[in-house]
Amino acid sequence: MESSELIVCGLCGNEFDPNGPSSAYAEAGEWLAEEVWRDAGELCPLCRENRARLVMMYCHEYYR
């Protein structure tokens, strides 16, 4: 089993494994991190999920 280096999230400061499991919301948040905010790879899955949910609620221009 390969060991993975933990990364510190740029928003919440928690450590996370970049190769850990991911949800559909986290994947949507990763797309937003790459295409909109340009901070891909810097956010933990929870922050990516929260960002995706907030964008779905408040930023309708991203999913029309």
PDB file of N, CA and C in Angstrom:
ATOM      1  N   MET A   1       0.826  -1.174   0.000  1.00  0.00           N
ATOM      2  CA  MET A   1       0.000   0.000   0.000  1.00  0.00           C
ATOM      3  C   MET A   1       0.879   1.249   0.000  1.00  0.00           C
ATOM      4  N   GLU A   2       0.591   2.167  -0.910  1.00  0.00           N
ATOM      5  CA  GLU A   2       1.377   3.373  -1.015  1.00  0.00           C
ATOM      6  C   GLU A   2       0.962   4.374   0.057  1.00  0.00           C
ATOM      7  N   SER A   3       1.944   5.059   0.622  1.00  0.00           N
ATOM      8  CA  SER A   3       1.609   6.112   1.577  1.00  0.00           C
ATOM      9  C   SER A   3       1.468   7.425   0.810  1.00  0.00           C
ATOM     10  N   SER A   4       0.497   8.196   1.194  1.00  0.00           N
ATOM     11  CA  SER A   4       0.237   9.452   0.527  1.00  0.00           C
ATOM     12  C   SER A   4       0.537  10.588   1.486  1.00  0.00           C
ATOM     13  N   GLU A   5       1.119  11.621   0.970  1.00  0.00           N
ATOM     14  CA  GLU A   5       1.417  12.788   1.783  1.00  0.00           C
ATOM     15  C   GLU A   5       0.150  13.596   2.003  1.00  0.00           C
ATOM     16  N   LEU A   6      -0.079  13.989   3.238  1.00  0.00           N
ATOM     17  CA  LEU A   6      -1.256  14.785   3.556  1.00  0.00           C
ATOM     18  C   LEU A   6      -1.018  16.238   3.166  1.00  0.00           C
ATOM     19  N   ILE A   7      -2.087  16.887   2.746  1.00  0.00           N
ATOM     20  CA  ILE A   7      -2.049  18.290   2.340  1.00  0.00           C
ATOM     21  C   ILE A   7      -2.934  19.072   3.293  1.00  0.00           C
ATOM     22  N   VAL A   8      -2.574  20.298   3.578  1.00  0.00           N
ATOM     23  CA  VAL A   8      -3.379  21.171   4.428  1.00  0.00           C
ATOM     24  C   VAL A   8      -4.324  21.965   3.535  1.00  0.00           C
ATOM     25  N   CYS A   9      -5.612  21.932   3.869  1.00  0.00           N
ATOM     26  CA  CYS A   9      -6.637  22.630   3.091  1.00  0.00           C
ATOM     27  C   CYS A   9      -6.416  24.139   3.170  1.00  0.00           C
ATOM     28  N   GLY A  10      -6.539  24.796   2.028  1.00  0.00           N
ATOM     29  CA  GLY A  10      -6.357  26.241   1.959  1.00  0.00           C
ATOM     30  C   GLY A  10      -7.481  27.036   2.590  1.00  0.00           C
ATOM     31  N   LEU A  11      -8.639  26.417   2.820  1.00  0.00           N
ATOM     32  CA  LEU A  11      -9.757  27.136   3.432  1.00  0.00           C
ATOM     33  C   LEU A  11      -9.895  26.833   4.917  1.00  0.00           C
ATOM     34  N   CYS A  12     -10.015  25.562   5.266  1.00  0.00           N
ATOM     35  CA  CYS A  12     -10.303  25.211   6.664  1.00  0.00           C
ATOM     36  C   CYS A  12      -9.054  24.855   7.471  1.00  0.00           C
ATOM     37  N   GLY A  13      -7.956  24.550   6.804  1.00  0.00           N
ATOM     38  CA  GLY A  13      -6.721  24.228   7.507  1.00  0.00           C
ATOM     39  C   GLY A  13      -6.584  22.784   7.948  1.00  0.00           C
ATOM     40  N   ASN A  14      -7.580  21.938   7.656  1.00  0.00           N
ATOM     41  CA  ASN A  14      -7.488  20.523   8.011  1.00  0.00           C
ATOM     42  C   ASN A  14      -6.590  19.782   7.032  1.00  0.00           C
ATOM     43  N   GLU A  15      -5.930  18.737   7.516  1.00  0.00           N
ATOM     44  CA  GLU A  15      -5.117  17.896   6.638  1.00  0.00           C
ATOM     45  C   GLU A  15      -6.015  16.897   5.928  1.00  0.00           C
ATOM     46  N   PHE A  16      -5.681  16.590   4.662  1.00  0.00           N
ATOM     47  CA  PHE A  16      -6.453  15.612   3.910  1.00  0.00           C
ATOM     48  C   PHE A  16      -5.552  14.862   2.947  1.00  0.00           C
ATOM     49  N   ASP A  17      -6.007  13.681   2.574  1.00  0.00           N
ATOM     50  CA  ASP A  17      -5.310  12.831   1.612  1.00  0.00           C
ATOM     51  C   ASP A  17      -5.861  13.154   0.226  1.00  0.00           C
ATOM     52  N   PRO A  18      -5.052  13.697  -0.675  1.00  0.00           N
ATOM     53  CA  PRO A  18      -5.550  14.055  -2.001  1.00  0.00           C
ATOM     54  C   PRO A  18      -6.017  12.851  -2.822  1.00  0.00           C
ATOM     55  N   ASN A  19      -5.618  11.659  -2.427  1.00  0.00           N
ATOM     56  CA  ASN A  19      -6.021  10.441  -3.143  1.00  0.00           C
ATOM     57  C   ASN A  19      -7.147   9.703  -2.433  1.00  0.00           C
ATOM     58  N   GLY A  20      -7.748  10.337  -1.435  1.00  0.00           N
ATOM     59  CA  GLY A  20      -8.824   9.715  -0.677  1.00  0.00           C
ATOM     60  C   GLY A  20     -10.114   9.664  -1.474  1.00  0.00           C
ATOM     61  N   PRO A  21     -11.141   9.059  -0.890  1.00  0.00           N
ATOM     62  CA  PRO A  21     -12.428   8.937  -1.583  1.00  0.00           C
ATOM     63  C   PRO A  21     -13.041  10.305  -1.855  1.00  0.00           C
ATOM     64  N   SER A  22     -13.870  10.357  -2.896  1.00  0.00           N
ATOM     65  CA  SER A  22     -14.472  11.614  -3.309  1.00  0.00           C
ATOM     66  C   SER A  22     -15.940  11.393  -3.659  1.00  0.00           C
ATOM     67  N   SER A  23     -16.758  12.394  -3.373  1.00  0.00           N
ATOM     68  CA  SER A  23     -18.177  12.324  -3.709  1.00  0.00           C
ATOM     69  C   SER A  23     -18.438  13.092  -5.001  1.00  0.00           C
ATOM     70  N   ALA A  24     -19.656  13.016  -5.488  1.00  0.00           N
ATOM     71  CA  ALA A  24     -20.031  13.766  -6.688  1.00  0.00           C
ATOM     72  C   ALA A  24     -19.931  15.270  -6.428  1.00  0.00           C
ATOM     73  N   TYR A  25     -20.315  15.701  -5.219  1.00  0.00           N
ATOM     74  CA  TYR A  25     -20.202  17.121  -4.888  1.00  0.00           C
ATOM     75  C   TYR A  25     -18.740  17.562  -4.834  1.00  0.00           C
ATOM     76  N   ALA A  26     -17.882  16.716  -4.285  1.00  0.00           N
ATOM     77  CA  ALA A  26     -16.457  17.051  -4.229  1.00  0.00           C
ATOM     78  C   ALA A  26     -15.872  17.136  -5.635  1.00  0.00           C
ATOM     79  N   GLU A  27     -16.319  16.268  -6.530  1.00  0.00           N
ATOM     80  CA  GLU A  27     -15.846  16.330  -7.917  1.00  0.00           C
ATOM     81  C   GLU A  27     -16.318  17.611  -8.596  1.00  0.00           C
ATOM     82  N   ALA A  28     -17.559  18.022  -8.318  1.00  0.00           N
ATOM     83  CA  ALA A  28     -18.050  19.291  -8.858  1.00  0.00           C
ATOM     84  C   ALA A  28     -17.238  20.453  -8.277  1.00  0.00           C
ATOM     85  N   GLY A  29     -16.923  20.370  -6.993  1.00  0.00           N
ATOM     86  CA  GLY A  29     -16.094  21.395  -6.368  1.00  0.00           C
ATOM     87  C   GLY A  29     -14.698  21.438  -6.938  1.00  0.00           C
ATOM     88  N   GLU A  30     -14.175  20.286  -7.327  1.00  0.00           N
ATOM     89  CA  GLU A  30     -12.847  20.253  -7.955  1.00  0.00           C
ATOM     90  C   GLU A  30     -12.891  20.951  -9.312  1.00  0.00           C
ATOM     91  N   TRP A  31     -13.963  20.719 -10.067  1.00  0.00           N
ATOM     92  CA  TRP A  31     -14.108  21.415 -11.349  1.00  0.00           C
ATOM     93  C   TRP A  31     -14.132  22.927 -11.126  1.00  0.00           C
ATOM     94  N   LEU A  32     -14.904  23.383 -10.137  1.00  0.00           N
ATOM     95  CA  LEU A  32     -14.951  24.809  -9.824  1.00  0.00           C
ATOM     96  C   LEU A  32     -13.571  25.324  -9.407  1.00  0.00           C
ATOM     97  N   ALA A  33     -12.847  24.528  -8.635  1.00  0.00           N
ATOM     98  CA  ALA A  33     -11.502  24.917  -8.211  1.00  0.00           C
ATOM     99  C   ALA A  33     -10.567  25.074  -9.404  1.00  0.00           C
ATOM    100  N   GLU A  34     -10.720  24.214 -10.396  1.00  0.00           N
ATOM    101  CA  GLU A  34      -9.868  24.293 -11.586  1.00  0.00           C
ATOM    102  C   GLU A  34     -10.275  25.431 -12.511  1.00  0.00           C
ATOM    103  N   GLU A  35     -11.557  25.542 -12.779  1.00  0.00           N
ATOM    104  CA  GLU A  35     -12.038  26.447 -13.815  1.00  0.00           C
ATOM    105  C   GLU A  35     -12.405  27.852 -13.340  1.00  0.00           C
ATOM    106  N   VAL A  36     -12.813  27.999 -12.100  1.00  0.00           N
ATOM    107  CA  VAL A  36     -13.321  29.294 -11.647  1.00  0.00           C
ATOM    108  C   VAL A  36     -12.342  29.971 -10.681  1.00  0.00           C
ATOM    109  N   TRP A  37     -11.994  29.291  -9.597  1.00  0.00           N
ATOM    110  CA  TRP A  37     -11.181  29.920  -8.560  1.00  0.00           C
ATOM    111  C   TRP A  37      -9.696  29.636  -8.682  1.00  0.00           C
ATOM    112  N   ARG A  38      -9.311  28.746  -9.531  1.00  0.00           N
ATOM    113  CA  ARG A  38      -7.890  28.423  -9.775  1.00  0.00           C
ATOM    114  C   ARG A  38      -7.138  28.021  -8.502  1.00  0.00           C
ATOM    115  N   ASP A  39      -7.797  27.223  -7.666  1.00  0.00           N
ATOM    116  CA  ASP A  39      -7.134  26.723  -6.461  1.00  0.00           C
ATOM    117  C   ASP A  39      -7.233  25.200  -6.375  1.00  0.00           C
ATOM    118  N   ALA A  40      -7.209  24.553  -7.515  1.00  0.00           N
ATOM    119  CA  ALA A  40      -7.307  23.086  -7.566  1.00  0.00           C
ATOM    120  C   ALA A  40      -6.173  22.443  -6.786  1.00  0.00           C
ATOM    121  N   GLY A  41      -6.521  21.384  -6.068  1.00  0.00           N
ATOM    122  CA  GLY A  41      -5.544  20.647  -5.288  1.00  0.00           C
ATOM    123  C   GLY A  41      -5.262  21.237  -3.919  1.00  0.00           C
ATOM    124  N   GLU A  42      -5.839  22.392  -3.625  1.00  0.00           N
ATOM    125  CA  GLU A  42      -5.572  23.057  -2.355  1.00  0.00           C
ATOM    126  C   GLU A  42      -6.688  22.885  -1.336  1.00  0.00           C
ATOM    127  N   LEU A  43      -7.839  22.320  -1.761  1.00  0.00           N
ATOM    128  CA  LEU A  43      -8.997  22.228  -0.871  1.00  0.00           C
ATOM    129  C   LEU A  43      -9.317  20.780  -0.521  1.00  0.00           C
ATOM    130  N   CYS A  44      -9.742  20.570   0.723  1.00  0.00           N
ATOM    131  CA  CYS A  44     -10.140  19.236   1.166  1.00  0.00           C
ATOM    132  C   CYS A  44     -11.496  18.873   0.548  1.00  0.00           C
ATOM    133  N   PRO A  45     -11.848  17.599   0.555  1.00  0.00           N
ATOM    134  CA  PRO A  45     -13.130  17.185  -0.029  1.00  0.00           C
ATOM    135  C   PRO A  45     -14.335  17.897   0.588  1.00  0.00           C
ATOM    136  N   LEU A  46     -14.330  18.133   1.895  1.00  0.00           N
ATOM    137  CA  LEU A  46     -15.464  18.794   2.529  1.00  0.00           C
ATOM    138  C   LEU A  46     -15.623  20.231   2.021  1.00  0.00           C
ATOM    139  N   CYS A  47     -14.544  20.964   1.899  1.00  0.00           N
ATOM    140  CA  CYS A  47     -14.617  22.336   1.392  1.00  0.00           C
ATOM    141  C   CYS A  47     -15.028  22.351  -0.074  1.00  0.00           C
ATOM    142  N   ARG A  48     -14.540  21.383  -0.868  1.00  0.00           N
ATOM    143  CA  ARG A  48     -14.980  21.293  -2.271  1.00  0.00           C
ATOM    144  C   ARG A  48     -16.471  20.992  -2.337  1.00  0.00           C
ATOM    145  N   GLU A  49     -16.956  20.080  -1.492  1.00  0.00           N
ATOM    146  CA  GLU A  49     -18.389  19.753  -1.458  1.00  0.00           C
ATOM    147  C   GLU A  49     -19.214  20.981  -1.079  1.00  0.00           C
ATOM    148  N   ASN A  50     -18.786  21.679  -0.043  1.00  0.00           N
ATOM    149  CA  ASN A  50     -19.517  22.862   0.405  1.00  0.00           C
ATOM    150  C   ASN A  50     -19.539  23.934  -0.676  1.00  0.00           C
ATOM    151  N   ARG A  51     -18.431  24.129  -1.350  1.00  0.00           N
ATOM    152  CA  ARG A  51     -18.370  25.111  -2.429  1.00  0.00           C
ATOM    153  C   ARG A  51     -19.345  24.741  -3.536  1.00  0.00           C
ATOM    154  N   ALA A  52     -19.377  23.484  -3.911  1.00  0.00           N
ATOM    155  CA  ALA A  52     -20.285  23.039  -4.979  1.00  0.00           C
ATOM    156  C   ALA A  52     -21.741  23.251  -4.580  1.00  0.00           C
ATOM    157  N   ARG A  53     -22.079  22.933  -3.352  1.00  0.00           N
ATOM    158  CA  ARG A  53     -23.463  23.135  -2.888  1.00  0.00           C
ATOM    159  C   ARG A  53     -23.836  24.615  -2.883  1.00  0.00           C
ATOM    160  N   LEU A  54     -22.931  25.461  -2.427  1.00  0.00           N
ATOM    161  CA  LEU A  54     -23.209  26.894  -2.406  1.00  0.00           C
ATOM    162  C   LEU A  54     -23.360  27.452  -3.814  1.00  0.00           C
ATOM    163  N   VAL A  55     -22.541  27.002  -4.722  1.00  0.00           N
ATOM    164  CA  VAL A  55     -22.652  27.467  -6.112  1.00  0.00           C
ATOM    165  C   VAL A  55     -23.980  27.026  -6.704  1.00  0.00           C
ATOM    166  N   MET A  56     -24.399  25.804  -6.419  1.00  0.00           N
ATOM    167  CA  MET A  56     -25.692  25.339  -6.937  1.00  0.00           C
ATOM    168  C   MET A  56     -26.839  26.177  -6.391  1.00  0.00           C
ATOM    169  N   MET A  57     -26.717  26.653  -5.160  1.00  0.00           N
ATOM    170  CA  MET A  57     -27.791  27.442  -4.556  1.00  0.00           C
ATOM    171  C   MET A  57     -27.778  28.897  -5.013  1.00  0.00           C
ATOM    172  N   TYR A  58     -26.590  29.467  -5.180  1.00  0.00           N
ATOM    173  CA  TYR A  58     -26.508  30.912  -5.350  1.00  0.00           C
ATOM    174  C   TYR A  58     -25.917  31.405  -6.675  1.00  0.00           C
ATOM    175  N   CYS A  59     -25.214  30.579  -7.402  1.00  0.00           N
ATOM    176  CA  CYS A  59     -24.537  31.031  -8.627  1.00  0.00           C
ATOM    177  C   CYS A  59     -25.114  30.287  -9.839  1.00  0.00           C
ATOM    178  N   HIS A  60     -26.280  30.649 -10.206  1.00  0.00           N
ATOM    179  CA  HIS A  60     -27.003  29.937 -11.276  1.00  0.00           C
ATOM    180  C   HIS A  60     -26.300  30.013 -12.629  1.00  0.00           C
ATOM    181  N   GLU A  61     -25.438  30.973 -12.828  1.00  0.00           N
ATOM    182  CA  GLU A  61     -24.756  31.099 -14.116  1.00  0.00           C
ATOM    183  C   GLU A  61     -23.816  29.931 -14.421  1.00  0.00           C
ATOM    184  N   TYR A  62     -23.446  29.118 -13.420  1.00  0.00           N
ATOM    185  CA  TYR A  62     -22.528  28.010 -13.643  1.00  0.00           C
ATOM    186  C   TYR A  62     -23.198  26.719 -14.083  1.00  0.00           C
ATOM    187  N   TYR A  63     -24.498  26.626 -13.999  1.00  0.00           N
ATOM    188  CA  TYR A  63     -25.114  25.345 -14.386  1.00  0.00           C
ATOM    189  C   TYR A  63     -26.373  25.534 -15.240  1.00  0.00           C
ATOM    190  N   ARG A  64     -26.444  26.566 -16.003  1.00  0.00           N
ATOM    191  CA  ARG A  64     -27.575  26.743 -16.925  1.00  0.00           C
ATOM    192  C   ARG A  64     -27.378  25.924 -18.158  1.00  0.00           C
TER     193      ARG A  64
END
